[in-house]
Structures are given as C-alpha cells and as structure tokens.
Amino acid sequence: MNFYEFLDLDNRGKAFAIWHYGVYLMSRTFNGDIHKLYAIEDFYVEVCHNVESQMAGKITSFESVDFLEPYLDQINLDDLMSIVK
C-alpha cells in the first residue's frame, strides 16, 4: 500500500490498514492525548487517542521525516549504539 492509496481510504479503511500493515514505532503525549506513530512501507501514520474518551481520533499520514521531530527527543542514542555494537 502506498501513501496515496492510504489517503484515499475512509477512516475505517485507514484503521484496517494500520492494523494489518502498520509497524508501531513509538508514542508521545501532547495536550493530554496519546499520539501513536506507525510506519507503513515508505510513509508514516500518527493516530491521536483521546485519553478521556478512550477513542482514536485524528489520523494523520505523512511522507516527510520533518514531521517526526516531536518524537526525536524520545530516542535514546545509547540504546541504539548498544544494538549496533
């Protein structure tokens, strides 16, 4: 599935694609909501979960690594280096 095929899906189709093709990468908390980051082939998908309602809300997809910036401070370089060694 490519980026443009994903964009053409409705929310139910996007949820199916994330469940079946998405690789969970990490989560972050922003404004009290949990944002979960997934990779699907050569693009990324962020799903915003409302903590109070326990429901998934906005689904954002993007190809540019620039949008990964909010997640960068969570990456522990020491952990990565121990994997590479």
PDB file of N, CA and C in Angstrom:
ATOM      1  N   MET A   1       0.854  -1.171   0.000  1.00  0.00           N
ATOM      2  CA  MET A   1       0.000   0.000   0.000  1.00  0.00           C
ATOM      3  C   MET A   1       0.897   1.231   0.000  1.00  0.00           C
ATOM      4  N   ASN A   2       0.631   2.134  -0.917  1.00  0.00           N
ATOM      5  CA  ASN A   2       1.429   3.355  -0.941  1.00  0.00           C
ATOM      6  C   ASN A   2       0.676   4.501  -0.256  1.00  0.00           C
ATOM      7  N   PHE A   3       1.365   5.626  -0.148  1.00  0.00           N
ATOM      8  CA  PHE A   3       0.842   6.793   0.556  1.00  0.00           C
ATOM      9  C   PHE A   3      -0.488   7.259  -0.032  1.00  0.00           C
ATOM     10  N   TYR A   4      -0.578   7.325  -1.348  1.00  0.00           N
ATOM     11  CA  TYR A   4      -1.790   7.854  -1.987  1.00  0.00           C
ATOM     12  C   TYR A   4      -2.963   6.882  -1.883  1.00  0.00           C
ATOM     13  N   GLU A   5      -2.689   5.589  -1.890  1.00  0.00           N
ATOM     14  CA  GLU A   5      -3.753   4.610  -1.657  1.00  0.00           C
ATOM     15  C   GLU A   5      -4.305   4.771  -0.238  1.00  0.00           C
ATOM     16  N   PHE A   6      -3.409   5.003   0.712  1.00  0.00           N
ATOM     17  CA  PHE A   6      -3.836   5.210   2.095  1.00  0.00           C
ATOM     18  C   PHE A   6      -4.705   6.455   2.217  1.00  0.00           C
ATOM     19  N   LEU A   7      -4.293   7.529   1.550  1.00  0.00           N
ATOM     20  CA  LEU A   7      -5.060   8.779   1.608  1.00  0.00           C
ATOM     21  C   LEU A   7      -6.480   8.610   1.082  1.00  0.00           C
ATOM     22  N   ASP A   8      -6.674   7.730   0.119  1.00  0.00           N
ATOM     23  CA  ASP A   8      -7.995   7.517  -0.482  1.00  0.00           C
ATOM     24  C   ASP A   8      -8.950   6.724   0.410  1.00  0.00           C
ATOM     25  N   LEU A   9      -8.436   6.106   1.466  1.00  0.00           N
ATOM     26  CA  LEU A   9      -9.274   5.289   2.339  1.00  0.00           C
ATOM     27  C   LEU A   9     -10.102   6.152   3.288  1.00  0.00           C
ATOM     28  N   ASP A  10     -11.275   5.635   3.679  1.00  0.00           N
ATOM     29  CA  ASP A  10     -12.029   6.291   4.744  1.00  0.00           C
ATOM     30  C   ASP A  10     -11.393   5.894   6.083  1.00  0.00           C
ATOM     31  N   ASN A  11     -11.890   6.425   7.179  1.00  0.00           N
ATOM     32  CA  ASN A  11     -11.272   6.147   8.480  1.00  0.00           C
ATOM     33  C   ASN A  11     -11.288   4.670   8.841  1.00  0.00           C
ATOM     34  N   ARG A  12     -12.343   3.977   8.484  1.00  0.00           N
ATOM     35  CA  ARG A  12     -12.404   2.537   8.761  1.00  0.00           C
ATOM     36  C   ARG A  12     -11.330   1.793   7.969  1.00  0.00           C
ATOM     37  N   GLY A  13     -11.153   2.164   6.702  1.00  0.00           N
ATOM     38  CA  GLY A  13     -10.119   1.561   5.874  1.00  0.00           C
ATOM     39  C   GLY A  13      -8.725   1.887   6.378  1.00  0.00           C
ATOM     40  N   LYS A  14      -8.541   3.124   6.840  1.00  0.00           N
ATOM     41  CA  LYS A  14      -7.241   3.511   7.398  1.00  0.00           C
ATOM     42  C   LYS A  14      -6.938   2.702   8.652  1.00  0.00           C
ATOM     43  N   ALA A  15      -7.935   2.517   9.512  1.00  0.00           N
ATOM     44  CA  ALA A  15      -7.737   1.718  10.722  1.00  0.00           C
ATOM     45  C   ALA A  15      -7.361   0.284  10.359  1.00  0.00           C
ATOM     46  N   PHE A  16      -8.019  -0.275   9.354  1.00  0.00           N
ATOM     47  CA  PHE A  16      -7.702  -1.626   8.887  1.00  0.00           C
ATOM     48  C   PHE A  16      -6.262  -1.686   8.381  1.00  0.00           C
ATOM     49  N   ALA A  17      -5.871  -0.710   7.584  1.00  0.00           N
ATOM     50  CA  ALA A  17      -4.516  -0.682   7.017  1.00  0.00           C
ATOM     51  C   ALA A  17      -3.463  -0.559   8.117  1.00  0.00           C
ATOM     52  N   ILE A  18      -3.724   0.284   9.103  1.00  0.00           N
ATOM     53  CA  ILE A  18      -2.778   0.433  10.208  1.00  0.00           C
ATOM     54  C   ILE A  18      -2.653  -0.879  10.968  1.00  0.00           C
ATOM     55  N   TRP A  19      -3.777  -1.520  11.235  1.00  0.00           N
ATOM     56  CA  TRP A  19      -3.782  -2.782  11.983  1.00  0.00           C
ATOM     57  C   TRP A  19      -3.029  -3.879  11.233  1.00  0.00           C
ATOM     58  N   HIS A  20      -3.220  -3.958   9.924  1.00  0.00           N
ATOM     59  CA  HIS A  20      -2.638  -5.059   9.152  1.00  0.00           C
ATOM     60  C   HIS A  20      -1.257  -4.766   8.575  1.00  0.00           C
ATOM     61  N   TYR A  21      -0.976  -3.529   8.253  1.00  0.00           N
ATOM     62  CA  TYR A  21       0.282  -3.198   7.583  1.00  0.00           C
ATOM     63  C   TYR A  21       1.198  -2.302   8.413  1.00  0.00           C
ATOM     64  N   GLY A  22       0.653  -1.663   9.423  1.00  0.00           N
ATOM     65  CA  GLY A  22       1.436  -0.704  10.197  1.00  0.00           C
ATOM     66  C   GLY A  22       2.407  -1.371  11.155  1.00  0.00           C
ATOM     67  N   VAL A  23       3.559  -0.755  11.289  1.00  0.00           N
ATOM     68  CA  VAL A  23       4.556  -1.173  12.269  1.00  0.00           C
ATOM     69  C   VAL A  23       4.607  -0.076  13.331  1.00  0.00           C
ATOM     70  N   TYR A  24       4.250  -0.444  14.553  1.00  0.00           N
ATOM     71  CA  TYR A  24       4.252   0.531  15.639  1.00  0.00           C
ATOM     72  C   TYR A  24       5.685   0.970  15.917  1.00  0.00           C
ATOM     73  N   LEU A  25       5.895   2.286  16.010  1.00  0.00           N
ATOM     74  CA  LEU A  25       7.226   2.821  16.273  1.00  0.00           C
ATOM     75  C   LEU A  25       7.357   3.379  17.685  1.00  0.00           C
ATOM     76  N   MET A  26       6.473   4.277  18.070  1.00  0.00           N
ATOM     77  CA  MET A  26       6.539   4.875  19.405  1.00  0.00           C
ATOM     78  C   MET A  26       5.316   5.735  19.671  1.00  0.00           C
ATOM     79  N   SER A  27       5.215   6.197  20.909  1.00  0.00           N
ATOM     80  CA  SER A  27       4.110   7.065  21.316  1.00  0.00           C
ATOM     81  C   SER A  27       4.666   8.314  21.978  1.00  0.00           C
ATOM     82  N   ARG A  28       3.820   9.339  22.006  1.00  0.00           N
ATOM     83  CA  ARG A  28       4.140  10.559  22.742  1.00  0.00           C
ATOM     84  C   ARG A  28       2.833  11.111  23.290  1.00  0.00           C
ATOM     85  N   THR A  29       2.939  11.919  24.316  1.00  0.00           N
ATOM     86  CA  THR A  29       1.774  12.580  24.888  1.00  0.00           C
ATOM     87  C   THR A  29       1.849  14.058  24.552  1.00  0.00           C
ATOM     88  N   PHE A  30       0.735  14.597  24.068  1.00  0.00           N
ATOM     89  CA  PHE A  30       0.671  16.010  23.712  1.00  0.00           C
ATOM     90  C   PHE A  30      -0.724  16.523  24.038  1.00  0.00           C
ATOM     91  N   ASN A  31      -0.799  17.587  24.814  1.00  0.00           N
ATOM     92  CA  ASN A  31      -2.080  18.180  25.222  1.00  0.00           C
ATOM     93  C   ASN A  31      -3.019  17.147  25.842  1.00  0.00           C
ATOM     94  N   GLY A  32      -2.469  16.203  26.588  1.00  0.00           N
ATOM     95  CA  GLY A  32      -3.278  15.199  27.262  1.00  0.00           C
ATOM     96  C   GLY A  32      -3.720  14.042  26.390  1.00  0.00           C
ATOM     97  N   ASP A  33      -3.408  14.077  25.107  1.00  0.00           N
ATOM     98  CA  ASP A  33      -3.757  12.983  24.199  1.00  0.00           C
ATOM     99  C   ASP A  33      -2.518  12.142  23.911  1.00  0.00           C
ATOM    100  N   ILE A  34      -2.725  10.886  23.579  1.00  0.00           N
ATOM    101  CA  ILE A  34      -1.630   9.996  23.212  1.00  0.00           C
ATOM    102  C   ILE A  34      -1.575   9.909  21.693  1.00  0.00           C
ATOM    103  N   HIS A  35      -0.411  10.174  21.148  1.00  0.00           N
ATOM    104  CA  HIS A  35      -0.183  10.098  19.707  1.00  0.00           C
ATOM    105  C   HIS A  35       0.693   8.883  19.442  1.00  0.00           C
ATOM    106  N   LYS A  36       0.188   7.953  18.641  1.00  0.00           N
ATOM    107  CA  LYS A  36       0.932   6.735  18.322  1.00  0.00           C
ATOM    108  C   LYS A  36       1.420   6.819  16.886  1.00  0.00           C
ATOM    109  N   LEU A  37       2.698   6.520  16.703  1.00  0.00           N
ATOM    110  CA  LEU A  37       3.340   6.622  15.400  1.00  0.00           C
ATOM    111  C   LEU A  37       3.546   5.236  14.807  1.00  0.00           C
ATOM    112  N   TYR A  38       3.140   5.085  13.550  1.00  0.00           N
ATOM    113  CA  TYR A  38       3.289   3.833  12.819  1.00  0.00           C
ATOM    114  C   TYR A  38       3.999   4.103  11.497  1.00  0.00           C
ATOM    115  N   ALA A  39       4.665   3.080  10.973  1.00  0.00           N
ATOM    116  CA  ALA A  39       5.243   3.140   9.633  1.00  0.00           C
ATOM    117  C   ALA A  39       4.500   2.133   8.768  1.00  0.00           C
ATOM    118  N   ILE A  40       4.161   2.558   7.563  1.00  0.00           N
ATOM    119  CA  ILE A  40       3.586   1.661   6.555  1.00  0.00           C
ATOM    120  C   ILE A  40       4.398   1.891   5.289  1.00  0.00           C
ATOM    121  N   GLU A  41       5.149   0.884   4.905  1.00  0.00           N
ATOM    122  CA  GLU A  41       6.048   0.987   3.745  1.00  0.00           C
ATOM    123  C   GLU A  41       6.908   2.235   3.845  1.00  0.00           C
ATOM    124  N   ASP A  42       6.720   3.221   2.977  1.00  0.00           N
ATOM    125  CA  ASP A  42       7.615   4.384   2.957  1.00  0.00           C
ATOM    126  C   ASP A  42       6.941   5.663   3.463  1.00  0.00           C
ATOM    127  N   PHE A  43       5.942   5.530   4.323  1.00  0.00           N
ATOM    128  CA  PHE A  43       5.310   6.708   4.914  1.00  0.00           C
ATOM    129  C   PHE A  43       4.943   6.415   6.368  1.00  0.00           C
ATOM    130  N   TYR A  44       4.524   7.448   7.065  1.00  0.00           N
ATOM    131  CA  TYR A  44       4.212   7.356   8.485  1.00  0.00           C
ATOM    132  C   TYR A  44       2.758   7.734   8.729  1.00  0.00           C
ATOM    133  N   VAL A  45       2.212   7.184   9.805  1.00  0.00           N
ATOM    134  CA  VAL A  45       0.842   7.492  10.209  1.00  0.00           C
ATOM    135  C   VAL A  45       0.857   7.767  11.709  1.00  0.00           C
ATOM    136  N   GLU A  46       0.209   8.858  12.096  1.00  0.00           N
ATOM    137  CA  GLU A  46       0.075   9.188  13.506  1.00  0.00           C
ATOM    138  C   GLU A  46      -1.407   9.123  13.861  1.00  0.00           C
ATOM    139  N   VAL A  47      -1.715   8.369  14.908  1.00  0.00           N
ATOM    140  CA  VAL A  47      -3.090   8.241  15.385  1.00  0.00           C
ATOM    141  C   VAL A  47      -3.176   8.906  16.748  1.00  0.00           C
ATOM    142  N   CYS A  48      -4.087   9.852  16.871  1.00  0.00           N
ATOM    143  CA  CYS A  48      -4.287  10.575  18.127  1.00  0.00           C
ATOM    144  C   CYS A  48      -5.397   9.876  18.914  1.00  0.00           C
ATOM    145  N   HIS A  49      -5.082   9.480  20.142  1.00  0.00           N
ATOM    146  CA  HIS A  49      -6.052   8.828  21.020  1.00  0.00           C
ATOM    147  C   HIS A  49      -6.429   9.785  22.138  1.00  0.00           C
ATOM    148  N   ASN A  50      -7.714  10.038  22.280  1.00  0.00           N
ATOM    149  CA  ASN A  50      -8.201  10.882  23.360  1.00  0.00           C
ATOM    150  C   ASN A  50      -8.239  10.055  24.633  1.00  0.00           C
ATOM    151  N   VAL A  51      -7.508  10.489  25.640  1.00  0.00           N
ATOM    152  CA  VAL A  51      -7.402   9.736  26.884  1.00  0.00           C
ATOM    153  C   VAL A  51      -8.744   9.660  27.608  1.00  0.00           C
ATOM    154  N   GLU A  52      -9.488  10.750  27.626  1.00  0.00           N
ATOM    155  CA  GLU A  52     -10.764  10.773  28.350  1.00  0.00           C
ATOM    156  C   GLU A  52     -11.800   9.852  27.723  1.00  0.00           C
ATOM    157  N   SER A  53     -11.936   9.903  26.409  1.00  0.00           N
ATOM    158  CA  SER A  53     -12.965   9.098  25.740  1.00  0.00           C
ATOM    159  C   SER A  53     -12.476   7.703  25.374  1.00  0.00           C
ATOM    160  N   GLN A  54     -11.166   7.467  25.482  1.00  0.00           N
ATOM    161  CA  GLN A  54     -10.577   6.177  25.104  1.00  0.00           C
ATOM    162  C   GLN A  54     -10.812   5.852  23.627  1.00  0.00           C
ATOM    163  N   MET A  55     -10.975   6.884  22.805  1.00  0.00           N
ATOM    164  CA  MET A  55     -11.262   6.694  21.381  1.00  0.00           C
ATOM    165  C   MET A  55     -10.116   7.237  20.532  1.00  0.00           C
ATOM    166  N   ALA A  56      -9.892   6.568  19.411  1.00  0.00           N
ATOM    167  CA  ALA A  56      -8.946   7.089  18.427  1.00  0.00           C
ATOM    168  C   ALA A  56      -9.620   8.239  17.700  1.00  0.00           C
ATOM    169  N   GLY A  57      -8.883   9.283  17.502  1.00  0.00           N
ATOM    170  CA  GLY A  57      -9.430  10.449  16.825  1.00  0.00           C
ATOM    171  C   GLY A  57      -8.772  10.661  15.485  1.00  0.00           C
ATOM    172  N   LYS A  58      -8.065  11.740  15.372  1.00  0.00           N
ATOM    173  CA  LYS A  58      -7.464  12.155  14.114  1.00  0.00           C
ATOM    174  C   LYS A  58      -6.371  11.181  13.660  1.00  0.00           C
ATOM    175  N   ILE A  59      -6.406  10.852  12.373  1.00  0.00           N
ATOM    176  CA  ILE A  59      -5.373  10.033  11.742  1.00  0.00           C
ATOM    177  C   ILE A  59      -4.655  10.917  10.737  1.00  0.00           C
ATOM    178  N   THR A  60      -3.360  11.108  10.951  1.00  0.00           N
ATOM    179  CA  THR A  60      -2.554  11.957  10.082  1.00  0.00           C
ATOM    180  C   THR A  60      -1.494  11.103   9.405  1.00  0.00           C
ATOM    181  N   SER A  61      -1.359  11.236   8.103  1.00  0.00           N
ATOM    182  CA  SER A  61      -0.318  10.496   7.382  1.00  0.00           C
ATOM    183  C   SER A  61       0.622  11.486   6.710  1.00  0.00           C
ATOM    184  N   PHE A  62       1.895  11.094   6.611  1.00  0.00           N
ATOM    185  CA  PHE A  62       2.887  11.980   6.019  1.00  0.00           C
ATOM    186  C   PHE A  62       4.077  11.181   5.511  1.00  0.00           C
ATOM    187  N   GLU A  63       4.752  11.745   4.538  1.00  0.00           N
ATOM    188  CA  GLU A  63       5.942  11.121   3.965  1.00  0.00           C
ATOM    189  C   GLU A  63       7.225  11.773   4.457  1.00  0.00           C
ATOM    190  N   SER A  64       7.164  13.031   4.804  1.00  0.00           N
ATOM    191  CA  SER A  64       8.353  13.791   5.179  1.00  0.00           C
ATOM    192  C   SER A  64       8.815  13.441   6.590  1.00  0.00           C
ATOM    193  N   VAL A  65      10.114  13.215   6.737  1.00  0.00           N
ATOM    194  CA  VAL A  65      10.659  12.940   8.063  1.00  0.00           C
ATOM    195  C   VAL A  65      10.638  14.183   8.949  1.00  0.00           C
ATOM    196  N   ASP A  66      10.391  15.341   8.375  1.00  0.00           N
ATOM    197  CA  ASP A  66      10.297  16.572   9.168  1.00  0.00           C
ATOM    198  C   ASP A  66       9.211  16.464  10.237  1.00  0.00           C
ATOM    199  N   PHE A  67       8.154  15.717   9.955  1.00  0.00           N
ATOM    200  CA  PHE A  67       7.049  15.578  10.900  1.00  0.00           C
ATOM    201  C   PHE A  67       7.373  14.618  12.047  1.00  0.00           C
ATOM    202  N   LEU A  68       8.539  13.974  11.989  1.00  0.00           N
ATOM    203  CA  LEU A  68       8.960  13.083  13.069  1.00  0.00           C
ATOM    204  C   LEU A  68       9.614  13.846  14.220  1.00  0.00           C
ATOM    205  N   GLU A  69       9.867  15.126  14.028  1.00  0.00           N
ATOM    206  CA  GLU A  69      10.583  15.944  15.007  1.00  0.00           C
ATOM    207  C   GLU A  69      10.033  15.823  16.430  1.00  0.00           C
ATOM    208  N   PRO A  70       8.714  15.801  16.653  1.00  0.00           N
ATOM    209  CA  PRO A  70       8.217  15.688  18.031  1.00  0.00           C
ATOM    210  C   PRO A  70       8.623  14.385  18.731  1.00  0.00           C
ATOM    211  N   TYR A  71       9.034  13.386  17.973  1.00  0.00           N
ATOM    212  CA  TYR A  71       9.404  12.096  18.549  1.00  0.00           C
ATOM    213  C   TYR A  71      10.900  11.974  18.822  1.00  0.00           C
ATOM    214  N   LEU A  72      11.703  12.852  18.257  1.00  0.00           N
ATOM    215  CA  LEU A  72      13.152  12.695  18.305  1.00  0.00           C
ATOM    216  C   LEU A  72      13.723  12.735  19.711  1.00  0.00           C
ATOM    217  N   ASP A  73      13.140  13.526  20.596  1.00  0.00           N
ATOM    218  CA  ASP A  73      13.691  13.618  21.948  1.00  0.00           C
ATOM    219  C   ASP A  73      13.476  12.347  22.761  1.00  0.00           C
ATOM    220  N   GLN A  74      12.669  11.422  22.266  1.00  0.00           N
ATOM    221  CA  GLN A  74      12.425  10.157  22.960  1.00  0.00           C
ATOM    222  C   GLN A  74      13.412   9.067  22.562  1.00  0.00           C
ATOM    223  N   ILE A  75      14.207   9.313  21.538  1.00  0.00           N
ATOM    224  CA  ILE A  75      15.146   8.302  21.062  1.00  0.00           C
ATOM    225  C   ILE A  75      16.401   8.358  21.918  1.00  0.00           C
ATOM    226  N   ASN A  76      16.736   7.242  22.533  1.00  0.00           N
ATOM    227  CA  ASN A  76      17.921   7.143  23.369  1.00  0.00           C
ATOM    228  C   ASN A  76      19.071   6.621  22.513  1.00  0.00           C
ATOM    229  N   LEU A  77      20.032   7.481  22.231  1.00  0.00           N
ATOM    230  CA  LEU A  77      21.150   7.098  21.371  1.00  0.00           C
ATOM    231  C   LEU A  77      22.016   6.017  21.998  1.00  0.00           C
ATOM    232  N   ASP A  78      22.110   5.982  23.318  1.00  0.00           N
ATOM    233  CA  ASP A  78      22.880   4.925  23.979  1.00  0.00           C
ATOM    234  C   ASP A  78      22.271   3.558  23.687  1.00  0.00           C
ATOM    235  N   ASP A  79      20.941   3.476  23.720  1.00  0.00           N
ATOM    236  CA  ASP A  79      20.270   2.214  23.391  1.00  0.00           C
ATOM    237  C   ASP A  79      20.544   1.810  21.952  1.00  0.00           C
ATOM    238  N   LEU A  80      20.490   2.773  21.042  1.00  0.00           N
ATOM    239  CA  LEU A  80      20.765   2.475  19.636  1.00  0.00           C
ATOM    240  C   LEU A  80      22.194   2.005  19.436  1.00  0.00           C
ATOM    241  N   MET A  81      23.124   2.639  20.100  1.00  0.00           N
ATOM    242  CA  MET A  81      24.530   2.263  19.961  1.00  0.00           C
ATOM    243  C   MET A  81      24.781   0.856  20.492  1.00  0.00           C
ATOM    244  N   SER A  82      24.087   0.468  21.550  1.00  0.00           N
ATOM    245  CA  SER A  82      24.269  -0.878  22.095  1.00  0.00           C
ATOM    246  C   SER A  82      23.737  -1.939  21.137  1.00  0.00           C
ATOM    247  N   ILE A  83      22.763  -1.589  20.339  1.00  0.00           N
ATOM    248  CA  ILE A  83      22.225  -2.523  19.342  1.00  0.00           C
ATOM    249  C   ILE A  83      23.199  -2.677  18.187  1.00  0.00           C
ATOM    250  N   VAL A  84      23.828  -1.587  17.793  1.00  0.00           N
ATOM    251  CA  VAL A  84      24.736  -1.585  16.645  1.00  0.00           C
ATOM    252  C   VAL A  84      26.017  -2.346  16.951  1.00  0.00           C
ATOM    253  N   LYS A  85      26.480  -2.297  18.189  1.00  0.00           N
ATOM    254  CA  LYS A  85      27.757  -2.944  18.567  1.00  0.00           C
ATOM    255  C   LYS A  85      27.710  -4.427  18.421  1.00  0.00           C
TER     256      LYS A  85
END
